[in-house]
Amino acid sequence: MPIPAGKYDVVLGLNILQLMENIDDAIGKCATMLKPGGYFISSSVCMTKPPGMWKYLLGVMQLLQLFPKVQGFTEAQLLQSHRAAGFEIVEQFNHENQPVVFLVAKKLST
């Protein structure tokens, strides 16, 4: 998909980064699409391995091509990927021991 540079004020990515093959590339493309001072709003599941039985269930579902491959990363890795792409985290929210992280990131002026 063509990526228009500096065209948008806001990019929204809900529950998608963990499904991308490379989150650094995905976040970088979002930064490219945004105007300086634009916002990338996202929610992401941050875990390196699925807990308990989910590990086996997801493995079988992926083998049968019923579920996409899920990338594992920590919250710290997610934040670092945003910063490396030129974002400043302006809001961050985690809900009571859930692995989902909501972020509002502002593209720094270049």
C-alpha atoms as a PDB file:
ATOM      1  CA  MET A   1       0.000   0.000   0.000  1.00  0.00           C
ATOM      2  CA  PRO A   2       1.432   3.414  -0.886  1.00  0.00           C
ATOM      3  CA  ILE A   3       2.342   5.481   2.164  1.00  0.00           C
ATOM      4  CA  PRO A   4       1.596   9.201   1.746  1.00  0.00           C
ATOM      5  CA  ALA A   5       4.268  11.168   3.581  1.00  0.00           C
ATOM      6  CA  GLY A   6       3.211  13.845   6.050  1.00  0.00           C
ATOM      7  CA  LYS A   7      -0.438  13.822   5.035  1.00  0.00           C
ATOM      8  CA  TYR A   8      -2.349  12.952   8.219  1.00  0.00           C
ATOM      9  CA  ASP A   9      -2.927  14.593  11.589  1.00  0.00           C
ATOM     10  CA  VAL A  10      -3.869  11.315  13.326  1.00  0.00           C
ATOM     11  CA  VAL A  11      -3.300   7.622  12.681  1.00  0.00           C
ATOM     12  CA  LEU A  12      -5.304   5.088  14.690  1.00  0.00           C
ATOM     13  CA  GLY A  13      -4.032   1.527  15.181  1.00  0.00           C
ATOM     14  CA  LEU A  14      -6.116  -0.549  17.575  1.00  0.00           C
ATOM     15  CA  ASN A  15      -5.023  -4.108  18.376  1.00  0.00           C
ATOM     16  CA  ILE A  16      -2.941  -4.412  15.228  1.00  0.00           C
ATOM     17  CA  LEU A  17       0.757  -4.026  16.089  1.00  0.00           C
ATOM     18  CA  GLN A  18       0.995  -7.515  17.619  1.00  0.00           C
ATOM     19  CA  LEU A  19      -0.179  -8.882  14.257  1.00  0.00           C
ATOM     20  CA  MET A  20       2.494  -7.072  12.236  1.00  0.00           C
ATOM     21  CA  GLU A  21       5.590  -9.008  11.208  1.00  0.00           C
ATOM     22  CA  ASN A  22       7.855  -6.133  12.298  1.00  0.00           C
ATOM     23  CA  ILE A  23       6.486  -3.553  14.736  1.00  0.00           C
ATOM     24  CA  ASP A  24       9.409  -1.189  14.168  1.00  0.00           C
ATOM     25  CA  ASP A  25       8.538  -0.977  10.468  1.00  0.00           C
ATOM     26  CA  ALA A  26       4.812  -0.580  11.183  1.00  0.00           C
ATOM     27  CA  ILE A  27       5.357   2.228  13.701  1.00  0.00           C
ATOM     28  CA  GLY A  28       7.877   3.850  11.342  1.00  0.00           C
ATOM     29  CA  LYS A  29       5.295   3.859   8.527  1.00  0.00           C
ATOM     30  CA  CYS A  30       2.800   5.533  10.843  1.00  0.00           C
ATOM     31  CA  ALA A  31       5.392   8.206  11.620  1.00  0.00           C
ATOM     32  CA  THR A  32       5.958   8.713   7.883  1.00  0.00           C
ATOM     33  CA  MET A  33       2.233   9.242   7.253  1.00  0.00           C
ATOM     34  CA  LEU A  34       1.902  11.867  10.004  1.00  0.00           C
ATOM     35  CA  LYS A  35       2.558  15.577   9.823  1.00  0.00           C
ATOM     36  CA  PRO A  36       5.009  16.872  12.443  1.00  0.00           C
ATOM     37  CA  GLY A  37       3.031  17.200  15.678  1.00  0.00           C
ATOM     38  CA  GLY A  38       0.549  14.525  14.504  1.00  0.00           C
ATOM     39  CA  TYR A  39      -0.653  11.733  16.770  1.00  0.00           C
ATOM     40  CA  PHE A  40      -0.473   7.951  16.607  1.00  0.00           C
ATOM     41  CA  ILE A  41      -3.099   6.430  18.902  1.00  0.00           C
ATOM     42  CA  SER A  42      -2.797   2.714  19.533  1.00  0.00           C
ATOM     43  CA  SER A  43      -3.659  -0.205  21.742  1.00  0.00           C
ATOM     44  CA  SER A  44      -1.443  -3.274  21.732  1.00  0.00           C
ATOM     45  CA  VAL A  45      -1.265  -6.599  23.530  1.00  0.00           C
ATOM     46  CA  CYS A  46       2.159  -6.745  25.161  1.00  0.00           C
ATOM     47  CA  MET A  47       3.313 -10.220  26.080  1.00  0.00           C
ATOM     48  CA  THR A  48       6.198 -12.327  24.989  1.00  0.00           C
ATOM     49  CA  LYS A  49       4.336 -15.646  25.370  1.00  0.00           C
ATOM     50  CA  PRO A  50       0.622 -16.448  25.652  1.00  0.00           C
ATOM     51  CA  PRO A  51      -0.312 -17.592  29.168  1.00  0.00           C
ATOM     52  CA  GLY A  52      -1.388 -21.121  30.097  1.00  0.00           C
ATOM     53  CA  MET A  53      -3.528 -23.049  27.652  1.00  0.00           C
ATOM     54  CA  TRP A  54      -3.597 -20.105  25.212  1.00  0.00           C
ATOM     55  CA  LYS A  55      -0.092 -21.056  24.137  1.00  0.00           C
ATOM     56  CA  TYR A  56      -1.302 -24.438  22.869  1.00  0.00           C
ATOM     57  CA  LEU A  57      -4.656 -23.242  21.550  1.00  0.00           C
ATOM     58  CA  LEU A  58      -3.072 -20.437  19.520  1.00  0.00           C
ATOM     59  CA  GLY A  59      -0.436 -22.820  18.179  1.00  0.00           C
ATOM     60  CA  VAL A  60      -3.087 -25.227  16.880  1.00  0.00           C
ATOM     61  CA  MET A  61      -5.231 -22.407  15.479  1.00  0.00           C
ATOM     62  CA  GLN A  62      -2.211 -20.940  13.672  1.00  0.00           C
ATOM     63  CA  LEU A  63      -1.233 -24.336  12.308  1.00  0.00           C
ATOM     64  CA  LEU A  64      -4.767 -24.709  10.895  1.00  0.00           C
ATOM     65  CA  GLN A  65      -4.556 -21.127   9.553  1.00  0.00           C
ATOM     66  CA  LEU A  66      -7.510 -20.059  11.697  1.00  0.00           C
ATOM     67  CA  PHE A  67      -5.583 -17.380  13.579  1.00  0.00           C
ATOM     68  CA  PRO A  68      -2.717 -15.088  12.489  1.00  0.00           C
ATOM     69  CA  LYS A  69       0.771 -15.213  13.953  1.00  0.00           C
ATOM     70  CA  VAL A  70       1.036 -12.971  16.993  1.00  0.00           C
ATOM     71  CA  GLN A  71       4.305 -11.134  17.652  1.00  0.00           C
ATOM     72  CA  GLY A  72       5.542 -11.120  21.203  1.00  0.00           C
ATOM     73  CA  PHE A  73       6.983  -7.946  22.701  1.00  0.00           C
ATOM     74  CA  THR A  74       7.118  -6.264  26.063  1.00  0.00           C
ATOM     75  CA  GLU A  75       5.726  -2.881  26.978  1.00  0.00           C
ATOM     76  CA  ALA A  76       9.290  -1.546  27.215  1.00  0.00           C
ATOM     77  CA  GLN A  77      10.020  -2.769  23.667  1.00  0.00           C
ATOM     78  CA  LEU A  78       6.813  -1.148  22.400  1.00  0.00           C
ATOM     79  CA  LEU A  79       7.724   2.197  23.976  1.00  0.00           C
ATOM     80  CA  GLN A  80      11.273   1.984  22.588  1.00  0.00           C
ATOM     81  CA  SER A  81       9.913   1.297  19.080  1.00  0.00           C
ATOM     82  CA  HIS A  82       7.775   4.441  19.299  1.00  0.00           C
ATOM     83  CA  ARG A  83      10.685   6.569  20.499  1.00  0.00           C
ATOM     84  CA  ALA A  84      12.999   5.187  17.804  1.00  0.00           C
ATOM     85  CA  ALA A  85      10.422   6.196  15.169  1.00  0.00           C
ATOM     86  CA  GLY A  86      10.437   9.790  16.432  1.00  0.00           C
ATOM     87  CA  PHE A  87       7.464   9.772  18.788  1.00  0.00           C
ATOM     88  CA  GLU A  88       7.019  11.239  22.232  1.00  0.00           C
ATOM     89  CA  ILE A  89       4.598   9.302  24.452  1.00  0.00           C
ATOM     90  CA  VAL A  90       2.049  11.822  25.759  1.00  0.00           C
ATOM     91  CA  GLU A  91      -0.450   9.371  27.317  1.00  0.00           C
ATOM     92  CA  GLN A  92      -0.093   5.775  28.437  1.00  0.00           C
ATOM     93  CA  PHE A  93      -2.741   3.604  30.056  1.00  0.00           C
ATOM     94  CA  ASN A  94      -2.774   0.015  31.287  1.00  0.00           C
ATOM     95  CA  HIS A  95      -5.935  -1.441  32.793  1.00  0.00           C
ATOM     96  CA  GLU A  96      -5.518  -3.512  35.991  1.00  0.00           C
ATOM     97  CA  ASN A  97      -2.954  -6.199  35.236  1.00  0.00           C
ATOM     98  CA  GLN A  98      -4.093  -6.612  31.636  1.00  0.00           C
ATOM     99  CA  PRO A  99      -1.402  -6.934  28.955  1.00  0.00           C
ATOM    100  CA  VAL A 100      -3.069  -4.263  26.793  1.00  0.00           C
ATOM    101  CA  VAL A 101      -1.294  -0.904  26.552  1.00  0.00           C
ATOM    102  CA  PHE A 102      -3.068   2.176  25.200  1.00  0.00           C
ATOM    103  CA  LEU A 103      -0.757   4.897  23.876  1.00  0.00           C
ATOM    104  CA  VAL A 104      -1.073   8.391  22.500  1.00  0.00           C
ATOM    105  CA  ALA A 105       2.190   9.274  20.796  1.00  0.00           C
ATOM    106  CA  LYS A 106       3.048  12.627  19.243  1.00  0.00           C
ATOM    107  CA  LYS A 107       5.366  12.829  16.258  1.00  0.00           C
ATOM    108  CA  LEU A 108       8.224  15.138  17.082  1.00  0.00           C
ATOM    109  CA  SER A 109       8.944  17.959  14.668  1.00  0.00           C
ATOM    110  CA  THR A 110      11.736  17.172  12.259  1.00  0.00           C
END
